[in-house]
């Protein structure tokens, strides 16, 4: 069975607006489990999705604050869709 992998260039990665997630992460996650934003996050994403979002948060943090956006990055279409949802979630918090 063939797997579809998308490759994004520098411009496409920047259009994803990943800095929104980096900037808002502490505001959503940093105030403890009982805060309203964290509860909304847990309702919106299941455990497996949260693990992948956390993994990409670390990647995005590195790109945004350390190395800059790479020239190319590959991911599954489902990962891309999840990241779009997550970035939209963080943008509205």
PDB file of N, CA and C in Angstrom:
ATOM      1  N   UNK A   1       0.840  -1.176   0.000  1.00  0.00           N
ATOM      2  CA  UNK A   1       0.000   0.000   0.000  1.00  0.00           C
ATOM      3  C   UNK A   1       0.889   1.245   0.000  1.00  0.00           C
ATOM      4  N   UNK A   2       0.598   2.145  -0.887  1.00  0.00           N
ATOM      5  CA  UNK A   2       1.382   3.372  -1.007  1.00  0.00           C
ATOM      6  C   UNK A   2       0.968   4.374   0.067  1.00  0.00           C
ATOM      7  N   UNK A   3       1.965   5.076   0.585  1.00  0.00           N
ATOM      8  CA  UNK A   3       1.717   6.137   1.570  1.00  0.00           C
ATOM      9  C   UNK A   3       1.921   7.480   0.905  1.00  0.00           C
ATOM     10  N   UNK A   4       1.037   8.386   1.178  1.00  0.00           N
ATOM     11  CA  UNK A   4       1.147   9.723   0.629  1.00  0.00           C
ATOM     12  C   UNK A   4       1.844  10.613   1.651  1.00  0.00           C
ATOM     13  N   UNK A   5       2.906  11.254   1.224  1.00  0.00           N
ATOM     14  CA  UNK A   5       3.657  12.183   2.065  1.00  0.00           C
ATOM     15  C   UNK A   5       3.723  13.515   1.320  1.00  0.00           C
ATOM     16  N   UNK A   6       3.359  14.576   2.014  1.00  0.00           N
ATOM     17  CA  UNK A   6       3.425  15.911   1.428  1.00  0.00           C
ATOM     18  C   UNK A   6       4.755  16.562   1.776  1.00  0.00           C
ATOM     19  N   UNK A   7       5.329  17.257   0.817  1.00  0.00           N
ATOM     20  CA  UNK A   7       6.554  18.003   1.083  1.00  0.00           C
ATOM     21  C   UNK A   7       6.238  19.488   0.933  1.00  0.00           C
ATOM     22  N   UNK A   8       6.537  20.236   1.976  1.00  0.00           N
ATOM     23  CA  UNK A   8       6.275  21.664   2.006  1.00  0.00           C
ATOM     24  C   UNK A   8       7.585  22.425   1.856  1.00  0.00           C
ATOM     25  N   UNK A   9       7.551  23.481   1.066  1.00  0.00           N
ATOM     26  CA  UNK A   9       8.740  24.316   0.953  1.00  0.00           C
ATOM     27  C   UNK A   9       8.670  25.433   2.003  1.00  0.00           C
ATOM     28  N   UNK A  10       9.692  26.254   2.021  1.00  0.00           N
ATOM     29  CA  UNK A  10       9.832  27.325   3.005  1.00  0.00           C
ATOM     30  C   UNK A  10       8.597  28.236   3.049  1.00  0.00           C
ATOM     31  N   UNK A  11       8.138  28.665   1.897  1.00  0.00           N
ATOM     32  CA  UNK A  11       6.981  29.565   1.803  1.00  0.00           C
ATOM     33  C   UNK A  11       5.716  28.897   2.340  1.00  0.00           C
ATOM     34  N   UNK A  12       5.487  27.656   1.952  1.00  0.00           N
ATOM     35  CA  UNK A  12       4.291  26.938   2.394  1.00  0.00           C
ATOM     36  C   UNK A  12       4.302  26.716   3.909  1.00  0.00           C
ATOM     37  N   UNK A  13       5.464  26.439   4.464  1.00  0.00           N
ATOM     38  CA  UNK A  13       5.571  26.270   5.915  1.00  0.00           C
ATOM     39  C   UNK A  13       5.259  27.574   6.636  1.00  0.00           C
ATOM     40  N   UNK A  14       5.742  28.681   6.115  1.00  0.00           N
ATOM     41  CA  UNK A  14       5.450  29.975   6.728  1.00  0.00           C
ATOM     42  C   UNK A  14       3.969  30.320   6.637  1.00  0.00           C
ATOM     43  N   UNK A  15       3.295  29.893   5.577  1.00  0.00           N
ATOM     44  CA  UNK A  15       1.863  30.134   5.428  1.00  0.00           C
ATOM     45  C   UNK A  15       1.041  29.341   6.447  1.00  0.00           C
ATOM     46  N   UNK A  16       1.621  28.306   6.998  1.00  0.00           N
ATOM     47  CA  UNK A  16       0.939  27.513   8.022  1.00  0.00           C
ATOM     48  C   UNK A  16       0.725  28.329   9.299  1.00  0.00           C
ATOM     49  N   UNK A  17       1.479  29.389   9.477  1.00  0.00           N
ATOM     50  CA  UNK A  17       1.384  30.300  10.622  1.00  0.00           C
ATOM     51  C   UNK A  17       1.665  29.594  11.949  1.00  0.00           C
ATOM     52  N   UNK A  18       2.680  28.750  11.946  1.00  0.00           N
ATOM     53  CA  UNK A  18       3.050  28.006  13.147  1.00  0.00           C
ATOM     54  C   UNK A  18       3.487  28.874  14.324  1.00  0.00           C
ATOM     55  N   UNK A  19       3.993  30.118  14.116  1.00  0.00           N
ATOM     56  CA  UNK A  19       4.351  30.934  15.281  1.00  0.00           C
ATOM     57  C   UNK A  19       3.170  31.203  16.221  1.00  0.00           C
ATOM     58  N   UNK A  20       1.948  31.158  15.706  1.00  0.00           N
ATOM     59  CA  UNK A  20       0.770  31.344  16.554  1.00  0.00           C
ATOM     60  C   UNK A  20       0.746  30.291  17.653  1.00  0.00           C
ATOM     61  N   UNK A  21       1.028  29.046  17.289  1.00  0.00           N
ATOM     62  CA  UNK A  21       1.041  27.968  18.277  1.00  0.00           C
ATOM     63  C   UNK A  21       2.141  28.206  19.309  1.00  0.00           C
ATOM     64  N   UNK A  22       3.309  28.591  18.847  1.00  0.00           N
ATOM     65  CA  UNK A  22       4.435  28.818  19.760  1.00  0.00           C
ATOM     66  C   UNK A  22       4.107  29.941  20.739  1.00  0.00           C
ATOM     67  N   UNK A  23       3.558  31.042  20.236  1.00  0.00           N
ATOM     68  CA  UNK A  23       3.256  32.196  21.082  1.00  0.00           C
ATOM     69  C   UNK A  23       2.148  31.905  22.094  1.00  0.00           C
ATOM     70  N   UNK A  24       1.168  31.104  21.705  1.00  0.00           N
ATOM     71  CA  UNK A  24       0.003  30.879  22.568  1.00  0.00           C
ATOM     72  C   UNK A  24       0.117  29.645  23.445  1.00  0.00           C
ATOM     73  N   UNK A  25       1.120  28.814  23.219  1.00  0.00           N
ATOM     74  CA  UNK A  25       1.250  27.543  23.939  1.00  0.00           C
ATOM     75  C   UNK A  25       1.188  27.726  25.456  1.00  0.00           C
ATOM     76  N   UNK A  26       2.003  28.620  25.990  1.00  0.00           N
ATOM     77  CA  UNK A  26       2.041  28.803  27.440  1.00  0.00           C
ATOM     78  C   UNK A  26       0.738  29.373  27.988  1.00  0.00           C
ATOM     79  N   UNK A  27       0.051  30.175  27.210  1.00  0.00           N
ATOM     80  CA  UNK A  27      -1.217  30.733  27.670  1.00  0.00           C
ATOM     81  C   UNK A  27      -2.290  29.662  27.784  1.00  0.00           C
ATOM     82  N   UNK A  28      -2.232  28.668  26.920  1.00  0.00           N
ATOM     83  CA  UNK A  28      -3.205  27.578  26.975  1.00  0.00           C
ATOM     84  C   UNK A  28      -2.750  26.500  27.960  1.00  0.00           C
ATOM     85  N   UNK A  29      -1.481  26.147  27.925  1.00  0.00           N
ATOM     86  CA  UNK A  29      -0.983  25.023  28.714  1.00  0.00           C
ATOM     87  C   UNK A  29      -0.441  25.412  30.083  1.00  0.00           C
ATOM     88  N   UNK A  30       0.027  26.630  30.220  1.00  0.00           N
ATOM     89  CA  UNK A  30       0.795  27.001  31.394  1.00  0.00           C
ATOM     90  C   UNK A  30       0.035  27.249  32.669  1.00  0.00           C
ATOM     91  N   UNK A  31      -1.271  27.333  32.626  1.00  0.00           N
ATOM     92  CA  UNK A  31      -2.032  27.704  33.809  1.00  0.00           C
ATOM     93  C   UNK A  31      -2.626  26.524  34.564  1.00  0.00           C
ATOM     94  N   UNK A  32      -2.212  25.334  34.262  1.00  0.00           N
ATOM     95  CA  UNK A  32      -2.691  24.173  35.003  1.00  0.00           C
ATOM     96  C   UNK A  32      -3.848  23.457  34.323  1.00  0.00           C
ATOM     97  N   UNK A  33      -4.136  22.296  34.848  1.00  0.00           N
ATOM     98  CA  UNK A  33      -5.145  21.411  34.257  1.00  0.00           C
ATOM     99  C   UNK A  33      -6.558  21.977  34.410  1.00  0.00           C
ATOM    100  N   UNK A  34      -6.825  22.710  35.452  1.00  0.00           N
ATOM    101  CA  UNK A  34      -8.181  23.161  35.722  1.00  0.00           C
ATOM    102  C   UNK A  34      -8.580  24.426  34.984  1.00  0.00           C
ATOM    103  N   UNK A  35      -7.695  25.002  34.214  1.00  0.00           N
ATOM    104  CA  UNK A  35      -8.095  26.231  33.539  1.00  0.00           C
ATOM    105  C   UNK A  35      -8.987  25.938  32.339  1.00  0.00           C
ATOM    106  N   UNK A  36      -9.782  26.925  31.979  1.00  0.00           N
ATOM    107  CA  UNK A  36     -10.784  26.795  30.920  1.00  0.00           C
ATOM    108  C   UNK A  36     -10.155  26.466  29.569  1.00  0.00           C
ATOM    109  N   UNK A  37      -9.037  27.100  29.245  1.00  0.00           N
ATOM    110  CA  UNK A  37      -8.390  26.880  27.952  1.00  0.00           C
ATOM    111  C   UNK A  37      -7.839  25.464  27.838  1.00  0.00           C
ATOM    112  N   UNK A  38      -7.261  24.971  28.930  1.00  0.00           N
ATOM    113  CA  UNK A  38      -6.726  23.608  28.916  1.00  0.00           C
ATOM    114  C   UNK A  38      -7.852  22.593  28.775  1.00  0.00           C
ATOM    115  N   UNK A  39      -8.972  22.834  29.432  1.00  0.00           N
ATOM    116  CA  UNK A  39     -10.126  21.936  29.308  1.00  0.00           C
ATOM    117  C   UNK A  39     -10.647  21.921  27.874  1.00  0.00           C
ATOM    118  N   UNK A  40     -10.706  23.086  27.250  1.00  0.00           N
ATOM    119  CA  UNK A  40     -11.142  23.164  25.859  1.00  0.00           C
ATOM    120  C   UNK A  40     -10.183  22.401  24.954  1.00  0.00           C
ATOM    121  N   UNK A  41      -8.888  22.514  25.243  1.00  0.00           N
ATOM    122  CA  UNK A  41      -7.866  21.802  24.462  1.00  0.00           C
ATOM    123  C   UNK A  41      -8.057  20.289  24.584  1.00  0.00           C
ATOM    124  N   UNK A  42      -8.299  19.828  25.797  1.00  0.00           N
ATOM    125  CA  UNK A  42      -8.495  18.386  26.010  1.00  0.00           C
ATOM    126  C   UNK A  42      -9.765  17.869  25.341  1.00  0.00           C
ATOM    127  N   UNK A  43     -10.792  18.691  25.259  1.00  0.00           N
ATOM    128  CA  UNK A  43     -12.031  18.290  24.587  1.00  0.00           C
ATOM    129  C   UNK A  43     -11.865  18.272  23.069  1.00  0.00           C
ATOM    130  N   UNK A  44     -11.091  19.204  22.565  1.00  0.00           N
ATOM    131  CA  UNK A  44     -10.919  19.361  21.119  1.00  0.00           C
ATOM    132  C   UNK A  44     -10.042  18.263  20.503  1.00  0.00           C
ATOM    133  N   UNK A  45      -9.027  17.801  21.261  1.00  0.00           N
ATOM    134  CA  UNK A  45      -8.047  16.866  20.714  1.00  0.00           C
ATOM    135  C   UNK A  45      -7.926  15.651  21.620  1.00  0.00           C
ATOM    136  N   UNK A  46      -7.872  14.461  21.008  1.00  0.00           N
ATOM    137  CA  UNK A  46      -7.692  13.248  21.804  1.00  0.00           C
ATOM    138  C   UNK A  46      -6.217  13.086  22.193  1.00  0.00           C
ATOM    139  N   UNK A  47      -5.926  12.083  23.001  1.00  0.00           N
ATOM    140  CA  UNK A  47      -4.569  11.896  23.536  1.00  0.00           C
ATOM    141  C   UNK A  47      -3.529  11.719  22.431  1.00  0.00           C
ATOM    142  N   UNK A  48      -3.843  10.928  21.446  1.00  0.00           N
ATOM    143  CA  UNK A  48      -2.900  10.697  20.345  1.00  0.00           C
ATOM    144  C   UNK A  48      -2.643  11.995  19.572  1.00  0.00           C
ATOM    145  N   UNK A  49      -3.692  12.765  19.330  1.00  0.00           N
ATOM    146  CA  UNK A  49      -3.524  14.049  18.648  1.00  0.00           C
ATOM    147  C   UNK A  49      -2.700  15.015  19.488  1.00  0.00           C
ATOM    148  N   UNK A  50      -2.940  15.026  20.794  1.00  0.00           N
ATOM    149  CA  UNK A  50      -2.178  15.917  21.680  1.00  0.00           C
ATOM    150  C   UNK A  50      -0.690  15.565  21.677  1.00  0.00           C
ATOM    151  N   UNK A  51      -0.369  14.284  21.602  1.00  0.00           N
ATOM    152  CA  UNK A  51       1.044  13.884  21.540  1.00  0.00           C
ATOM    153  C   UNK A  51       1.703  14.405  20.262  1.00  0.00           C
ATOM    154  N   UNK A  52       1.002  14.294  19.149  1.00  0.00           N
ATOM    155  CA  UNK A  52       1.548  14.772  17.875  1.00  0.00           C
ATOM    156  C   UNK A  52       1.646  16.301  17.868  1.00  0.00           C
ATOM    157  N   UNK A  53       0.657  16.962  18.433  1.00  0.00           N
ATOM    158  CA  UNK A  53       0.701  18.420  18.527  1.00  0.00           C
ATOM    159  C   UNK A  53       1.883  18.851  19.381  1.00  0.00           C
ATOM    160  N   UNK A  54       2.114  18.183  20.493  1.00  0.00           N
ATOM    161  CA  UNK A  54       3.254  18.518  21.357  1.00  0.00           C
ATOM    162  C   UNK A  54       4.572  18.309  20.604  1.00  0.00           C
ATOM    163  N   UNK A  55       4.657  17.231  19.854  1.00  0.00           N
ATOM    164  CA  UNK A  55       5.871  16.960  19.065  1.00  0.00           C
ATOM    165  C   UNK A  55       6.123  18.093  18.065  1.00  0.00           C
ATOM    166  N   UNK A  56       5.059  18.505  17.379  1.00  0.00           N
ATOM    167  CA  UNK A  56       5.217  19.582  16.407  1.00  0.00           C
ATOM    168  C   UNK A  56       5.397  20.932  17.076  1.00  0.00           C
ATOM    169  N   UNK A  57       4.859  21.119  18.277  1.00  0.00           N
ATOM    170  CA  UNK A  57       5.139  22.363  19.009  1.00  0.00           C
ATOM    171  C   UNK A  57       6.649  22.500  19.212  1.00  0.00           C
ATOM    172  N   UNK A  58       7.297  21.415  19.616  1.00  0.00           N
ATOM    173  CA  UNK A  58       8.748  21.445  19.826  1.00  0.00           C
ATOM    174  C   UNK A  58       9.496  21.739  18.525  1.00  0.00           C
ATOM    175  N   UNK A  59       9.040  21.163  17.435  1.00  0.00           N
ATOM    176  CA  UNK A  59       9.646  21.430  16.123  1.00  0.00           C
ATOM    177  C   UNK A  59       9.446  22.897  15.757  1.00  0.00           C
ATOM    178  N   UNK A  60       8.211  23.390  15.901  1.00  0.00           N
ATOM    179  CA  UNK A  60       7.897  24.777  15.561  1.00  0.00           C
ATOM    180  C   UNK A  60       8.665  25.757  16.444  1.00  0.00           C
ATOM    181  N   UNK A  61       8.813  25.422  17.710  1.00  0.00           N
ATOM    182  CA  UNK A  61       9.566  26.270  18.638  1.00  0.00           C
ATOM    183  C   UNK A  61      11.002  26.428  18.139  1.00  0.00           C
ATOM    184  N   UNK A  62      11.583  25.313  17.731  1.00  0.00           N
ATOM    185  CA  UNK A  62      12.942  25.349  17.200  1.00  0.00           C
ATOM    186  C   UNK A  62      13.043  26.198  15.945  1.00  0.00           C
ATOM    187  N   UNK A  63      12.090  26.037  15.059  1.00  0.00           N
ATOM    188  CA  UNK A  63      12.109  26.835  13.830  1.00  0.00           C
ATOM    189  C   UNK A  63      11.928  28.312  14.137  1.00  0.00           C
ATOM    190  N   UNK A  64      10.997  28.618  14.998  1.00  0.00           N
ATOM    191  CA  UNK A  64      10.616  30.014  15.248  1.00  0.00           C
ATOM    192  C   UNK A  64      11.670  30.762  16.056  1.00  0.00           C
ATOM    193  N   UNK A  65      12.259  30.113  17.043  1.00  0.00           N
ATOM    194  CA  UNK A  65      13.140  30.820  17.958  1.00  0.00           C
ATOM    195  C   UNK A  65      14.616  30.441  17.863  1.00  0.00           C
ATOM    196  N   UNK A  66      14.945  29.448  17.077  1.00  0.00           N
ATOM    197  CA  UNK A  66      16.352  29.028  17.008  1.00  0.00           C
ATOM    198  C   UNK A  66      16.913  29.033  15.594  1.00  0.00           C
ATOM    199  N   UNK A  67      16.333  28.225  14.729  1.00  0.00           N
ATOM    200  CA  UNK A  67      16.983  27.967  13.444  1.00  0.00           C
ATOM    201  C   UNK A  67      16.346  28.645  12.246  1.00  0.00           C
ATOM    202  N   UNK A  68      15.101  29.065  12.366  1.00  0.00           N
ATOM    203  CA  UNK A  68      14.374  29.579  11.213  1.00  0.00           C
ATOM    204  C   UNK A  68      13.666  28.447  10.484  1.00  0.00           C
ATOM    205  N   UNK A  69      12.750  28.814   9.636  1.00  0.00           N
ATOM    206  CA  UNK A  69      11.973  27.834   8.887  1.00  0.00           C
ATOM    207  C   UNK A  69      12.885  27.106   7.905  1.00  0.00           C
ATOM    208  N   UNK A  70      12.815  25.766   7.879  1.00  0.00           N
ATOM    209  CA  UNK A  70      13.675  25.024   6.933  1.00  0.00           C
ATOM    210  C   UNK A  70      13.217  25.209   5.488  1.00  0.00           C
ATOM    211  N   UNK A  71      14.057  24.807   4.578  1.00  0.00           N
ATOM    212  CA  UNK A  71      13.718  24.904   3.159  1.00  0.00           C
ATOM    213  C   UNK A  71      12.648  23.892   2.758  1.00  0.00           C
ATOM    214  N   UNK A  72      12.639  22.725   3.427  1.00  0.00           N
ATOM    215  CA  UNK A  72      11.669  21.675   3.116  1.00  0.00           C
ATOM    216  C   UNK A  72      11.324  20.909   4.385  1.00  0.00           C
ATOM    217  N   UNK A  73      10.081  20.419   4.446  1.00  0.00           N
ATOM    218  CA  UNK A  73       9.663  19.534   5.531  1.00  0.00           C
ATOM    219  C   UNK A  73       8.569  18.627   4.995  1.00  0.00           C
ATOM    220  N   UNK A  74       8.599  17.362   5.396  1.00  0.00           N
ATOM    221  CA  UNK A  74       7.614  16.377   4.937  1.00  0.00           C
ATOM    222  C   UNK A  74       6.721  15.956   6.087  1.00  0.00           C
ATOM    223  N   UNK A  75       5.435  15.716   5.751  1.00  0.00           N
ATOM    224  CA  UNK A  75       4.493  15.197   6.731  1.00  0.00           C
ATOM    225  C   UNK A  75       3.326  14.543   6.009  1.00  0.00           C
ATOM    226  N   UNK A  76       2.590  13.742   6.750  1.00  0.00           N
ATOM    227  CA  UNK A  76       1.398  13.089   6.205  1.00  0.00           C
ATOM    228  C   UNK A  76       0.281  14.117   6.053  1.00  0.00           C
ATOM    229  N   UNK A  77      -0.626  13.874   5.114  1.00  0.00           N
ATOM    230  CA  UNK A  77      -1.769  14.790   4.970  1.00  0.00           C
ATOM    231  C   UNK A  77      -2.602  14.891   6.251  1.00  0.00           C
ATOM    232  N   UNK A  78      -2.751  13.794   6.971  1.00  0.00           N
ATOM    233  CA  UNK A  78      -3.525  13.829   8.217  1.00  0.00           C
ATOM    234  C   UNK A  78      -2.829  14.684   9.281  1.00  0.00           C
ATOM    235  N   UNK A  79      -1.512  14.649   9.291  1.00  0.00           N
ATOM    236  CA  UNK A  79      -0.754  15.492  10.218  1.00  0.00           C
ATOM    237  C   UNK A  79      -0.951  16.955   9.868  1.00  0.00           C
ATOM    238  N   UNK A  80      -0.896  17.268   8.594  1.00  0.00           N
ATOM    239  CA  UNK A  80      -1.114  18.646   8.145  1.00  0.00           C
ATOM    240  C   UNK A  80      -2.496  19.137   8.571  1.00  0.00           C
ATOM    241  N   UNK A  81      -3.511  18.316   8.369  1.00  0.00           N
ATOM    242  CA  UNK A  81      -4.872  18.704   8.749  1.00  0.00           C
ATOM    243  C   UNK A  81      -4.985  18.915  10.261  1.00  0.00           C
ATOM    244  N   UNK A  82      -4.360  18.047  11.039  1.00  0.00           N
ATOM    245  CA  UNK A  82      -4.370  18.202  12.491  1.00  0.00           C
ATOM    246  C   UNK A  82      -3.666  19.485  12.904  1.00  0.00           C
ATOM    247  N   UNK A  83      -2.538  19.781  12.303  1.00  0.00           N
ATOM    248  CA  UNK A  83      -1.800  20.995  12.641  1.00  0.00           C
ATOM    249  C   UNK A  83      -2.590  22.250  12.277  1.00  0.00           C
ATOM    250  N   UNK A  84      -3.290  22.214  11.162  1.00  0.00           N
ATOM    251  CA  UNK A  84      -4.153  23.346  10.809  1.00  0.00           C
ATOM    252  C   UNK A  84      -5.220  23.553  11.875  1.00  0.00           C
ATOM    253  N   UNK A  85      -5.852  22.471  12.322  1.00  0.00           N
ATOM    254  CA  UNK A  85      -6.866  22.558  13.380  1.00  0.00           C
ATOM    255  C   UNK A  85      -6.262  23.099  14.671  1.00  0.00           C
ATOM    256  N   UNK A  86      -5.090  22.593  15.020  1.00  0.00           N
ATOM    257  CA  UNK A  86      -4.442  23.005  16.262  1.00  0.00           C
ATOM    258  C   UNK A  86      -4.049  24.479  16.210  1.00  0.00           C
ATOM    259  N   UNK A  87      -3.484  24.926  15.110  1.00  0.00           N
ATOM    260  CA  UNK A  87      -3.095  26.320  14.984  1.00  0.00           C
ATOM    261  C   UNK A  87      -4.328  27.215  15.050  1.00  0.00           C
ATOM    262  N   UNK A  88      -5.399  26.787  14.417  1.00  0.00           N
ATOM    263  CA  UNK A  88      -6.654  27.552  14.489  1.00  0.00           C
ATOM    264  C   UNK A  88      -7.161  27.610  15.933  1.00  0.00           C
ATOM    265  N   UNK A  89      -7.064  26.497  16.651  1.00  0.00           N
ATOM    266  CA  UNK A  89      -7.471  26.468  18.057  1.00  0.00           C
ATOM    267  C   UNK A  89      -6.650  27.466  18.874  1.00  0.00           C
ATOM    268  N   UNK A  90      -5.334  27.420  18.743  1.00  0.00           N
ATOM    269  CA  UNK A  90      -4.471  28.317  19.496  1.00  0.00           C
ATOM    270  C   UNK A  90      -4.705  29.776  19.093  1.00  0.00           C
ATOM    271  N   UNK A  91      -5.041  30.032  17.843  1.00  0.00           N
ATOM    272  CA  UNK A  91      -5.275  31.398  17.387  1.00  0.00           C
ATOM    273  C   UNK A  91      -6.542  31.992  17.996  1.00  0.00           C
ATOM    274  N   UNK A  92      -7.477  31.161  18.367  1.00  0.00           N
ATOM    275  CA  UNK A  92      -8.750  31.662  18.909  1.00  0.00           C
ATOM    276  C   UNK A  92      -8.770  31.708  20.428  1.00  0.00           C
ATOM    277  N   UNK A  93      -7.693  31.319  21.070  1.00  0.00           N
ATOM    278  CA  UNK A  93      -7.665  31.307  22.544  1.00  0.00           C
ATOM    279  C   UNK A  93      -7.185  32.608  23.124  1.00  0.00           C
TER     280      UNK A  93
END
